[in-house]
Each structure stands twice: as structure tokens, then as C-alpha cells.
Amino acid sequence: LQMYDLKPEDTATYYCAASWRMAGTSRSAGDFQSW
């Protein structure tokens, strides 16, 4: 994840997640099994 032009509102803990059931993208945390 390459982040440019960072803003104060970007302040957070960032988590990586993997889905073992899908090839396509998803915005739902429930679709990802490993964190």
C-alpha cells in the first residue's frame, strides 16, 4: 500500500487482510479470514 499526500485524517492503525474464498475485490471485512 503506497500512500501519497497523507493527511491528518489518515492517522490510524492499518491492517492487512486476506480472503481465501474470493479472487475479486471486496469492501466487506467479513469476506476476509486472515488479518
Full PDB file with SEQRES, HELIX, SHEET, SSBOND, CRYST1, ORIGX, SCALE, CONECT and MASTER records, all heavy atoms in Angstrom:
SEQRES   1 A   35  LEU GLN MET TYR ASP LEU LYS PRO GLU ASP THR ALA THR          
SEQRES   2 A   35  TYR TYR CYS ALA ALA SER TRP ARG MET ALA GLY THR SER          
SEQRES   3 A   35  ARG SER ALA GLY ASP PHE GLN SER TRP                          
HELIX    1 AA1 PRO A    8  ASP A   10  5                                   3    
HELIX    2 AA2 ALA A   29  ASP A   31  5                                   3    
CRYST1    1.000    1.000    1.000  90.00  90.00  90.00 P 1           1          
ORIGX1      1.000000  0.000000  0.000000        0.00000                         
ORIGX2      0.000000  1.000000  0.000000        0.00000                         
ORIGX3      0.000000  0.000000  1.000000        0.00000                         
SCALE1      1.000000  0.000000  0.000000        0.00000                         
SCALE2      0.000000  1.000000  0.000000        0.00000                         
SCALE3      0.000000  0.000000  1.000000        0.00000                         
ATOM      1  N   LEU A   1       0.865  -1.171   0.000  1.00  0.00           N  
ATOM      2  CA  LEU A   1       0.000   0.000   0.000  1.00  0.00           C  
ATOM      3  C   LEU A   1       0.902   1.222   0.000  1.00  0.00           C  
ATOM      4  O   LEU A   1       1.565   1.509   0.997  1.00  0.00           O  
ATOM      5  CB  LEU A   1      -0.926   0.020   1.217  1.00  0.00           C  
ATOM      6  CG  LEU A   1      -1.929   1.171   1.254  1.00  0.00           C  
ATOM      7  CD1 LEU A   1      -2.991   0.989   0.162  1.00  0.00           C  
ATOM      8  CD2 LEU A   1      -2.592   1.283   2.624  1.00  0.00           C  
ATOM      9  N   GLN A   2       0.949   1.921  -1.139  1.00  0.00           N  
ATOM     10  CA  GLN A   2       1.747   3.134  -1.259  1.00  0.00           C  
ATOM     11  C   GLN A   2       0.834   4.332  -1.012  1.00  0.00           C  
ATOM     12  O   GLN A   2      -0.170   4.495  -1.703  1.00  0.00           O  
ATOM     13  CB  GLN A   2       2.380   3.224  -2.645  1.00  0.00           C  
ATOM     14  CG  GLN A   2       3.234   4.467  -2.864  1.00  0.00           C  
ATOM     15  CD  GLN A   2       4.480   4.481  -2.016  1.00  0.00           C  
ATOM     16  OE1 GLN A   2       5.296   3.571  -2.092  1.00  0.00           O  
ATOM     17  NE2 GLN A   2       4.633   5.508  -1.195  1.00  0.00           N  
ATOM     18  N   MET A   3       1.188   5.161  -0.043  1.00  0.00           N  
ATOM     19  CA  MET A   3       0.360   6.285   0.362  1.00  0.00           C  
ATOM     20  C   MET A   3       1.094   7.595   0.074  1.00  0.00           C  
ATOM     21  O   MET A   3       2.217   7.793   0.539  1.00  0.00           O  
ATOM     22  CB  MET A   3       0.007   6.183   1.843  1.00  0.00           C  
ATOM     23  CG  MET A   3      -0.615   4.840   2.230  1.00  0.00           C  
ATOM     24  SD  MET A   3      -1.145   4.764   3.967  1.00  0.00           S  
ATOM     25  CE  MET A   3       0.450   4.868   4.783  1.00  0.00           C  
ATOM     26  N   TYR A   4       0.440   8.472  -0.685  1.00  0.00           N  
ATOM     27  CA  TYR A   4       0.971   9.781  -1.009  1.00  0.00           C  
ATOM     28  C   TYR A   4       0.058  10.872  -0.454  1.00  0.00           C  
ATOM     29  O   TYR A   4      -1.119  10.644  -0.195  1.00  0.00           O  
ATOM     30  CB  TYR A   4       1.080   9.966  -2.522  1.00  0.00           C  
ATOM     31  CG  TYR A   4       1.998   9.005  -3.226  1.00  0.00           C  
ATOM     32  CD1 TYR A   4       1.495   7.898  -3.895  1.00  0.00           C  
ATOM     33  CD2 TYR A   4       3.378   9.207  -3.239  1.00  0.00           C  
ATOM     34  CE1 TYR A   4       2.325   7.015  -4.557  1.00  0.00           C  
ATOM     35  CE2 TYR A   4       4.216   8.331  -3.897  1.00  0.00           C  
ATOM     36  CZ  TYR A   4       3.692   7.238  -4.551  1.00  0.00           C  
ATOM     37  OH  TYR A   4       4.521   6.364  -5.206  1.00  0.00           O  
ATOM     38  N   ASP A   5       0.611  12.063  -0.310  1.00  0.00           N  
ATOM     39  CA  ASP A   5      -0.159  13.230   0.133  1.00  0.00           C  
ATOM     40  C   ASP A   5      -0.979  12.900   1.379  1.00  0.00           C  
ATOM     41  O   ASP A   5      -2.190  13.132   1.433  1.00  0.00           O  
ATOM     42  CB  ASP A   5      -1.068  13.715  -0.999  1.00  0.00           C  
ATOM     43  CG  ASP A   5      -1.702  15.065  -0.710  1.00  0.00           C  
ATOM     44  OD1 ASP A   5      -1.117  15.847   0.078  1.00  0.00           O  
ATOM     45  OD2 ASP A   5      -2.774  15.350  -1.270  1.00  0.00           O  
ATOM     46  N   LEU A   6      -0.313  12.378   2.374  1.00  0.00           N  
ATOM     47  CA  LEU A   6      -1.004  11.960   3.591  1.00  0.00           C  
ATOM     48  C   LEU A   6      -1.598  13.153   4.332  1.00  0.00           C  
ATOM     49  O   LEU A   6      -1.017  14.239   4.357  1.00  0.00           O  
ATOM     50  CB  LEU A   6      -0.048  11.196   4.492  1.00  0.00           C  
ATOM     51  CG  LEU A   6       0.244   9.768   4.020  1.00  0.00           C  
ATOM     52  CD1 LEU A   6       1.500   9.229   4.678  1.00  0.00           C  
ATOM     53  CD2 LEU A   6      -0.957   8.867   4.315  1.00  0.00           C  
ATOM     54  N   LYS A   7      -2.746  12.923   4.939  1.00  0.00           N  
ATOM     55  CA  LYS A   7      -3.479  13.936   5.675  1.00  0.00           C  
ATOM     56  C   LYS A   7      -3.664  13.486   7.119  1.00  0.00           C  
ATOM     57  O   LYS A   7      -3.645  12.288   7.402  1.00  0.00           O  
ATOM     58  CB  LYS A   7      -4.841  14.174   5.021  1.00  0.00           C  
ATOM     59  CG  LYS A   7      -4.760  14.538   3.543  1.00  0.00           C  
ATOM     60  CD  LYS A   7      -6.149  14.690   2.939  1.00  0.00           C  
ATOM     61  CE  LYS A   7      -6.067  14.979   1.453  1.00  0.00           C  
ATOM     62  NZ  LYS A   7      -5.365  16.257   1.179  1.00  0.00           N  
ATOM     63  N   PRO A   8      -3.863  14.420   8.045  1.00  0.00           N  
ATOM     64  CA  PRO A   8      -4.069  14.024   9.440  1.00  0.00           C  
ATOM     65  C   PRO A   8      -5.191  13.011   9.620  1.00  0.00           C  
ATOM     66  O   PRO A   8      -5.095  12.144  10.496  1.00  0.00           O  
ATOM     67  CB  PRO A   8      -4.388  15.349  10.135  1.00  0.00           C  
ATOM     68  CG  PRO A   8      -3.642  16.359   9.338  1.00  0.00           C  
ATOM     69  CD  PRO A   8      -3.760  15.893   7.914  1.00  0.00           C  
ATOM     70  N   GLU A   9      -6.233  13.082   8.807  1.00  0.00           N  
ATOM     71  CA  GLU A   9      -7.329  12.130   8.919  1.00  0.00           C  
ATOM     72  C   GLU A   9      -6.960  10.725   8.474  1.00  0.00           C  
ATOM     73  O   GLU A   9      -7.749   9.791   8.647  1.00  0.00           O  
ATOM     74  CB  GLU A   9      -8.566  12.621   8.146  1.00  0.00           C  
ATOM     75  CG  GLU A   9      -8.282  12.966   6.691  1.00  0.00           C  
ATOM     76  CD  GLU A   9      -8.056  14.452   6.474  1.00  0.00           C  
ATOM     77  OE1 GLU A   9      -7.386  15.089   7.314  1.00  0.00           O  
ATOM     78  OE2 GLU A   9      -8.555  14.982   5.459  1.00  0.00           O  
ATOM     79  N   ASP A  10      -5.770  10.545   7.896  1.00  0.00           N  
ATOM     80  CA  ASP A  10      -5.277   9.212   7.558  1.00  0.00           C  
ATOM     81  C   ASP A  10      -4.660   8.510   8.762  1.00  0.00           C  
ATOM     82  O   ASP A  10      -4.316   7.327   8.673  1.00  0.00           O  
ATOM     83  CB  ASP A  10      -4.237   9.280   6.441  1.00  0.00           C  
ATOM     84  CG  ASP A  10      -4.813   9.769   5.120  1.00  0.00           C  
ATOM     85  OD1 ASP A  10      -5.936   9.354   4.775  1.00  0.00           O  
ATOM     86  OD2 ASP A  10      -4.136  10.561   4.442  1.00  0.00           O  
ATOM     87  N   THR A  11      -4.492   9.218   9.866  1.00  0.00           N  
ATOM     88  CA  THR A  11      -3.917   8.633  11.069  1.00  0.00           C  
ATOM     89  C   THR A  11      -4.776   7.471  11.551  1.00  0.00           C  
ATOM     90  O   THR A  11      -5.976   7.630  11.785  1.00  0.00           O  
ATOM     91  CB  THR A  11      -3.789   9.685  12.173  1.00  0.00           C  
ATOM     92  OG1 THR A  11      -2.837  10.674  11.776  1.00  0.00           O  
ATOM     93  CG2 THR A  11      -3.333   9.055  13.481  1.00  0.00           C  
ATOM     94  N   ALA A  12      -4.169   6.302  11.686  1.00  0.00           N  
ATOM     95  CA  ALA A  12      -4.904   5.103  12.061  1.00  0.00           C  
ATOM     96  C   ALA A  12      -3.941   3.932  12.182  1.00  0.00           C  
ATOM     97  O   ALA A  12      -2.784   4.015  11.762  1.00  0.00           O  
ATOM     98  CB  ALA A  12      -5.973   4.772  11.012  1.00  0.00           C  
ATOM     99  N   THR A  13      -4.446   2.842  12.735  1.00  0.00           N  
ATOM    100  CA  THR A  13      -3.753   1.568  12.642  1.00  0.00           C  
ATOM    101  C   THR A  13      -4.223   0.893  11.361  1.00  0.00           C  
ATOM    102  O   THR A  13      -5.428   0.744  11.147  1.00  0.00           O  
ATOM    103  CB  THR A  13      -4.038   0.678  13.855  1.00  0.00           C  
ATOM    104  OG1 THR A  13      -3.621   1.350  15.041  1.00  0.00           O  
ATOM    105  CG2 THR A  13      -3.281  -0.637  13.742  1.00  0.00           C  
ATOM    106  N   TYR A  14      -3.286   0.492  10.519  1.00  0.00           N  
ATOM    107  CA  TYR A  14      -3.609  -0.105   9.230  1.00  0.00           C  
ATOM    108  C   TYR A  14      -3.435  -1.617   9.293  1.00  0.00           C  
ATOM    109  O   TYR A  14      -2.399  -2.114   9.736  1.00  0.00           O  
ATOM    110  CB  TYR A  14      -2.718   0.481   8.131  1.00  0.00           C  
ATOM    111  CG  TYR A  14      -3.139   1.868   7.707  1.00  0.00           C  
ATOM    112  CD1 TYR A  14      -2.979   2.956   8.558  1.00  0.00           C  
ATOM    113  CD2 TYR A  14      -3.723   2.086   6.460  1.00  0.00           C  
ATOM    114  CE1 TYR A  14      -3.396   4.222   8.183  1.00  0.00           C  
ATOM    115  CE2 TYR A  14      -4.133   3.355   6.075  1.00  0.00           C  
ATOM    116  CZ  TYR A  14      -3.966   4.420   6.945  1.00  0.00           C  
ATOM    117  OH  TYR A  14      -4.367   5.681   6.573  1.00  0.00           O  
ATOM    118  N   TYR A  15      -4.449  -2.336   8.823  1.00  0.00           N  
ATOM    119  CA  TYR A  15      -4.473  -3.791   8.873  1.00  0.00           C  
ATOM    120  C   TYR A  15      -4.535  -4.382   7.475  1.00  0.00           C  
ATOM    121  O   TYR A  15      -5.319  -3.941   6.638  1.00  0.00           O  
ATOM    122  CB  TYR A  15      -5.687  -4.284   9.664  1.00  0.00           C  
ATOM    123  CG  TYR A  15      -5.704  -3.860  11.111  1.00  0.00           C  
ATOM    124  CD1 TYR A  15      -6.358  -2.700  11.504  1.00  0.00           C  
ATOM    125  CD2 TYR A  15      -5.067  -4.627  12.079  1.00  0.00           C  
ATOM    126  CE1 TYR A  15      -6.384  -2.304  12.830  1.00  0.00           C  
ATOM    127  CE2 TYR A  15      -5.085  -4.240  13.406  1.00  0.00           C  
ATOM    128  CZ  TYR A  15      -5.746  -3.078  13.780  1.00  0.00           C  
ATOM    129  OH  TYR A  15      -5.769  -2.689  15.093  1.00  0.00           O  
ATOM    130  N   CYS A  16      -3.738  -5.403   7.256  1.00  0.00           N  
ATOM    131  CA  CYS A  16      -3.775  -6.177   6.024  1.00  0.00           C  
ATOM    132  C   CYS A  16      -4.679  -7.383   6.226  1.00  0.00           C  
ATOM    133  O   CYS A  16      -4.705  -7.974   7.311  1.00  0.00           O  
ATOM    134  CB  CYS A  16      -2.354  -6.621   5.667  1.00  0.00           C  
ATOM    135  SG  CYS A  16      -2.220  -7.634   4.185  1.00  0.00           S  
ATOM    136  N   ALA A  17      -5.427  -7.750   5.188  1.00  0.00           N  
ATOM    137  CA  ALA A  17      -6.353  -8.870   5.289  1.00  0.00           C  
ATOM    138  C   ALA A  17      -6.326  -9.701   4.012  1.00  0.00           C  
ATOM    139  O   ALA A  17      -6.138  -9.165   2.918  1.00  0.00           O  
ATOM    140  CB  ALA A  17      -7.772  -8.362   5.541  1.00  0.00           C  
ATOM    141  N   ALA A  18      -6.529 -11.008   4.167  1.00  0.00           N  
ATOM    142  CA  ALA A  18      -6.544 -11.939   3.043  1.00  0.00           C  
ATOM    143  C   ALA A  18      -7.846 -12.712   3.008  1.00  0.00           C  
ATOM    144  O   ALA A  18      -8.362 -13.130   4.052  1.00  0.00           O  
ATOM    145  CB  ALA A  18      -5.373 -12.909   3.133  1.00  0.00           C  
ATOM    146  N   SER A  19      -8.377 -12.886   1.804  1.00  0.00           N  
ATOM    147  CA  SER A  19      -9.542 -13.724   1.588  1.00  0.00           C  
ATOM    148  C   SER A  19      -9.115 -15.014   0.923  1.00  0.00           C  
ATOM    149  O   SER A  19      -8.402 -14.986  -0.086  1.00  0.00           O  
ATOM    150  CB  SER A  19     -10.573 -13.010   0.714  1.00  0.00           C  
ATOM    151  OG  SER A  19     -11.634 -13.890   0.378  1.00  0.00           O  
ATOM    152  N   TRP A  20      -9.563 -16.124   1.474  1.00  0.00           N  
ATOM    153  CA  TRP A  20      -9.250 -17.423   0.907  1.00  0.00           C  
ATOM    154  C   TRP A  20     -10.414 -17.998   0.121  1.00  0.00           C  
ATOM    155  O   TRP A  20     -10.391 -19.163  -0.264  1.00  0.00           O  
ATOM    156  CB  TRP A  20      -8.833 -18.386   2.022  1.00  0.00           C  
ATOM    157  CG  TRP A  20      -7.738 -17.829   2.873  1.00  0.00           C  
ATOM    158  CD1 TRP A  20      -7.814 -17.434   4.176  1.00  0.00           C  
ATOM    159  CD2 TRP A  20      -6.389 -17.557   2.468  1.00  0.00           C  
ATOM    160  NE1 TRP A  20      -6.610 -16.954   4.619  1.00  0.00           N  
ATOM    161  CE2 TRP A  20      -5.712 -17.016   3.587  1.00  0.00           C  
ATOM    162  CE3 TRP A  20      -5.685 -17.730   1.273  1.00  0.00           C  
ATOM    163  CZ2 TRP A  20      -4.360 -16.638   3.532  1.00  0.00           C  
ATOM    164  CZ3 TRP A  20      -4.352 -17.348   1.219  1.00  0.00           C  
ATOM    165  CH2 TRP A  20      -3.709 -16.811   2.351  1.00  0.00           C  
ATOM    166  N   ARG A  21     -11.426 -17.171  -0.153  1.00  0.00           N  
ATOM    167  CA  ARG A  21     -12.593 -17.619  -0.880  1.00  0.00           C  
ATOM    168  C   ARG A  21     -12.862 -16.838  -2.155  1.00  0.00           C  
ATOM    169  O   ARG A  21     -13.671 -17.270  -2.984  1.00  0.00           O  
ATOM    170  CB  ARG A  21     -13.844 -17.528   0.005  1.00  0.00           C  
ATOM    171  CG  ARG A  21     -13.819 -18.464   1.200  1.00  0.00           C  
ATOM    172  CD  ARG A  21     -15.203 -18.588   1.802  1.00  0.00           C  
ATOM    173  NE  ARG A  21     -15.647 -17.359   2.435  1.00  0.00           N  
ATOM    174  CZ  ARG A  21     -15.559 -17.111   3.741  1.00  0.00           C  
ATOM    175  NH1 ARG A  21     -15.052 -18.027   4.555  1.00  0.00           N  
ATOM    176  NH2 ARG A  21     -15.989 -15.960   4.226  1.00  0.00           N  
ATOM    177  N   MET A  22     -12.210 -15.695  -2.339  1.00  0.00           N  
ATOM    178  CA  MET A  22     -12.502 -14.837  -3.475  1.00  0.00           C  
ATOM    179  C   MET A  22     -11.255 -14.456  -4.247  1.00  0.00           C  
ATOM    180  O   MET A  22     -10.171 -14.315  -3.686  1.00  0.00           O  
ATOM    181  CB  MET A  22     -13.191 -13.550  -3.015  1.00  0.00           C  
ATOM    182  CG  MET A  22     -14.477 -13.734  -2.260  1.00  0.00           C  
ATOM    183  SD  MET A  22     -15.215 -12.128  -1.854  1.00  0.00           S  
ATOM    184  CE  MET A  22     -13.851 -11.378  -0.962  1.00  0.00           C  
ATOM    185  N   ALA A  23     -11.438 -14.248  -5.534  1.00  0.00           N  
ATOM    186  CA  ALA A  23     -10.405 -13.670  -6.375  1.00  0.00           C  
ATOM    187  C   ALA A  23     -10.679 -12.188  -6.626  1.00  0.00           C  
ATOM    188  O   ALA A  23      -9.742 -11.395  -6.775  1.00  0.00           O  
ATOM    189  CB  ALA A  23     -10.312 -14.413  -7.705  1.00  0.00           C  
ATOM    190  N   GLY A  24     -11.952 -11.810  -6.677  1.00  0.00           N  
ATOM    191  CA  GLY A  24     -12.340 -10.434  -6.898  1.00  0.00           C  
ATOM    192  C   GLY A  24     -12.283  -9.608  -5.620  1.00  0.00           C  
ATOM    193  O   GLY A  24     -12.250 -10.143  -4.510  1.00  0.00           O  
ATOM    194  N   THR A  25     -12.302  -8.281  -5.775  1.00  0.00           N  
ATOM    195  CA  THR A  25     -12.179  -7.394  -4.626  1.00  0.00           C  
ATOM    196  C   THR A  25     -13.462  -7.337  -3.811  1.00  0.00           C  
ATOM    197  O   THR A  25     -14.559  -7.601  -4.304  1.00  0.00           O  
ATOM    198  CB  THR A  25     -11.813  -5.974  -5.066  1.00  0.00           C  
ATOM    199  OG1 THR A  25     -12.845  -5.453  -5.921  1.00  0.00           O  
ATOM    200  CG2 THR A  25     -10.488  -5.966  -5.820  1.00  0.00           C  
ATOM    201  N   SER A  26     -13.314  -6.976  -2.546  1.00  0.00           N  
ATOM    202  CA  SER A  26     -14.436  -6.792  -1.641  1.00  0.00           C  
ATOM    203  C   SER A  26     -14.111  -5.676  -0.673  1.00  0.00           C  
ATOM    204  O   SER A  26     -12.943  -5.468  -0.324  1.00  0.00           O  
ATOM    205  CB  SER A  26     -14.735  -8.075  -0.870  1.00  0.00           C  
ATOM    206  OG  SER A  26     -15.720  -7.851   0.122  1.00  0.00           O  
ATOM    207  N   ARG A  27     -15.148  -4.955  -0.228  1.00  0.00           N  
ATOM    208  CA  ARG A  27     -15.003  -3.915   0.782  1.00  0.00           C  
ATOM    209  C   ARG A  27     -15.478  -4.376   2.154  1.00  0.00           C  
ATOM    210  O   ARG A  27     -15.408  -3.597   3.116  1.00  0.00           O  
ATOM    211  CB  ARG A  27     -15.785  -2.661   0.375  1.00  0.00           C  
ATOM    212  CG  ARG A  27     -15.262  -1.982  -0.877  1.00  0.00           C  
ATOM    213  CD  ARG A  27     -16.015  -0.697  -1.159  1.00  0.00           C  
ATOM    214  NE  ARG A  27     -15.447   0.036  -2.277  1.00  0.00           N  
ATOM    215  CZ  ARG A  27     -15.795   1.261  -2.625  1.00  0.00           C  
ATOM    216  NH1 ARG A  27     -16.728   1.901  -1.921  1.00  0.00           N  
ATOM    217  NH2 ARG A  27     -15.221   1.854  -3.661  1.00  0.00           N  
ATOM    218  N   SER A  28     -15.930  -5.600   2.247  1.00  0.00           N  
ATOM    219  CA  SER A  28     -16.507  -6.117   3.478  1.00  0.00           C  
ATOM    220  C   SER A  28     -15.473  -6.874   4.295  1.00  0.00           C  
ATOM    221  O   SER A  28     -14.865  -7.833   3.824  1.00  0.00           O  
ATOM    222  CB  SER A  28     -17.687  -7.033   3.159  1.00  0.00           C  
ATOM    223  OG  SER A  28     -18.201  -7.620   4.336  1.00  0.00           O  
ATOM    224  N   ALA A  29     -15.283  -6.456   5.548  1.00  0.00           N  
ATOM    225  CA  ALA A  29     -14.325  -7.129   6.418  1.00  0.00           C  
ATOM    226  C   ALA A  29     -14.676  -8.597   6.616  1.00  0.00           C  
ATOM    227  O   ALA A  29     -13.782  -9.430   6.803  1.00  0.00           O  
ATOM    228  CB  ALA A  29     -14.260  -6.416   7.765  1.00  0.00           C  
ATOM    229  N   GLY A  30     -15.962  -8.923   6.565  1.00  0.00           N  
ATOM    230  CA  GLY A  30     -16.387 -10.297   6.751  1.00  0.00           C  
ATOM    231  C   GLY A  30     -15.961 -11.239   5.651  1.00  0.00           C  
ATOM    232  O   GLY A  30     -16.032 -12.459   5.826  1.00  0.00           O  
ATOM    233  N   ASP A  31     -15.522 -10.713   4.518  1.00  0.00           N  
ATOM    234  CA  ASP A  31     -15.061 -11.546   3.417  1.00  0.00           C  
ATOM    235  C   ASP A  31     -13.599 -11.952   3.561  1.00  0.00           C  
ATOM    236  O   ASP A  31     -13.099 -12.720   2.739  1.00  0.00           O  
ATOM    237  CB  ASP A  31     -15.246 -10.827   2.083  1.00  0.00           C  
ATOM    238  CG  ASP A  31     -16.696 -10.783   1.634  1.00  0.00           C  
ATOM    239  OD1 ASP A  31     -17.464 -11.687   2.011  1.00  0.00           O  
ATOM    240  OD2 ASP A  31     -17.058  -9.843   0.900  1.00  0.00           O  
ATOM    241  N   PHE A  32     -12.943 -11.448   4.590  1.00  0.00           N  
ATOM    242  CA  PHE A  32     -11.525 -11.722   4.783  1.00  0.00           C  
ATOM    243  C   PHE A  32     -11.317 -12.532   6.052  1.00  0.00           C  
ATOM    244  O   PHE A  32     -11.846 -12.191   7.114  1.00  0.00           O  
ATOM    245  CB  PHE A  32     -10.725 -10.419   4.823  1.00  0.00           C  
ATOM    246  CG  PHE A  32     -10.812  -9.663   3.532  1.00  0.00           C  
ATOM    247  CD1 PHE A  32     -11.852  -8.771   3.304  1.00  0.00           C  
ATOM    248  CD2 PHE A  32      -9.870  -9.863   2.540  1.00  0.00           C  
ATOM    249  CE1 PHE A  32     -11.952  -8.095   2.096  1.00  0.00           C  
ATOM    250  CE2 PHE A  32      -9.961  -9.185   1.331  1.00  0.00           C  
ATOM    251  CZ  PHE A  32     -11.002  -8.300   1.107  1.00  0.00           C  
ATOM    252  N   GLN A  33     -10.538 -13.588   5.952  1.00  0.00           N  
ATOM    253  CA  GLN A  33     -10.397 -14.554   7.037  1.00  0.00           C  
ATOM    254  C   GLN A  33      -9.107 -14.405   7.831  1.00  0.00           C  
ATOM    255  O   GLN A  33      -9.060 -14.799   8.995  1.00  0.00           O  
ATOM    256  CB  GLN A  33     -10.474 -15.983   6.488  1.00  0.00           C  
ATOM    257  CG  GLN A  33     -11.826 -16.363   5.905  1.00  0.00           C  
ATOM    258  CD  GLN A  33     -12.053 -15.764   4.528  1.00  0.00           C  
ATOM    259  OE1 GLN A  33     -11.243 -15.933   3.625  1.00  0.00           O  
ATOM    260  NE2 GLN A  33     -13.168 -15.047   4.367  1.00  0.00           N  
ATOM    261  N   SER A  34      -8.057 -13.880   7.225  1.00  0.00           N  
ATOM    262  CA  SER A  34      -6.771 -13.735   7.894  1.00  0.00           C  
ATOM    263  C   SER A  34      -6.406 -12.268   7.999  1.00  0.00           C  
ATOM    264  O   SER A  34      -6.549 -11.517   7.028  1.00  0.00           O  
ATOM    265  CB  SER A  34      -5.671 -14.488   7.137  1.00  0.00           C  
ATOM    266  OG  SER A  34      -5.925 -15.882   7.123  1.00  0.00           O  
ATOM    267  N   TRP A  35      -5.905 -11.877   9.167  1.00  0.00           N  
ATOM    268  CA  TRP A  35      -5.586 -10.474   9.449  1.00  0.00           C  
ATOM    269  C   TRP A  35      -4.227 -10.352  10.112  1.00  0.00           C  
ATOM    270  O   TRP A  35      -3.821 -11.219  10.884  1.00  0.00           O  
ATOM    271  CB  TRP A  35      -6.638  -9.856  10.379  1.00  0.00           C  
ATOM    272  CG  TRP A  35      -7.993  -9.773   9.773  1.00  0.00           C  
ATOM    273  CD1 TRP A  35      -8.904 -10.785   9.629  1.00  0.00           C  
ATOM    274  CD2 TRP A  35      -8.612  -8.608   9.220  1.00  0.00           C  
ATOM    275  NE1 TRP A  35     -10.043 -10.323   9.022  1.00  0.00           N  
ATOM    276  CE2 TRP A  35      -9.896  -8.991   8.762  1.00  0.00           C  
ATOM    277  CE3 TRP A  35      -8.213  -7.284   9.075  1.00  0.00           C  
ATOM    278  CZ2 TRP A  35     -10.773  -8.096   8.164  1.00  0.00           C  
ATOM    279  CZ3 TRP A  35      -9.083  -6.384   8.479  1.00  0.00           C  
ATOM    280  CH2 TRP A  35     -10.344  -6.796   8.031  1.00  0.00           C  
TER     281      TRP A  35                                                      
MASTER        0    0    0    2    0    0    0    6  280    1    0    3          
END                                                                             
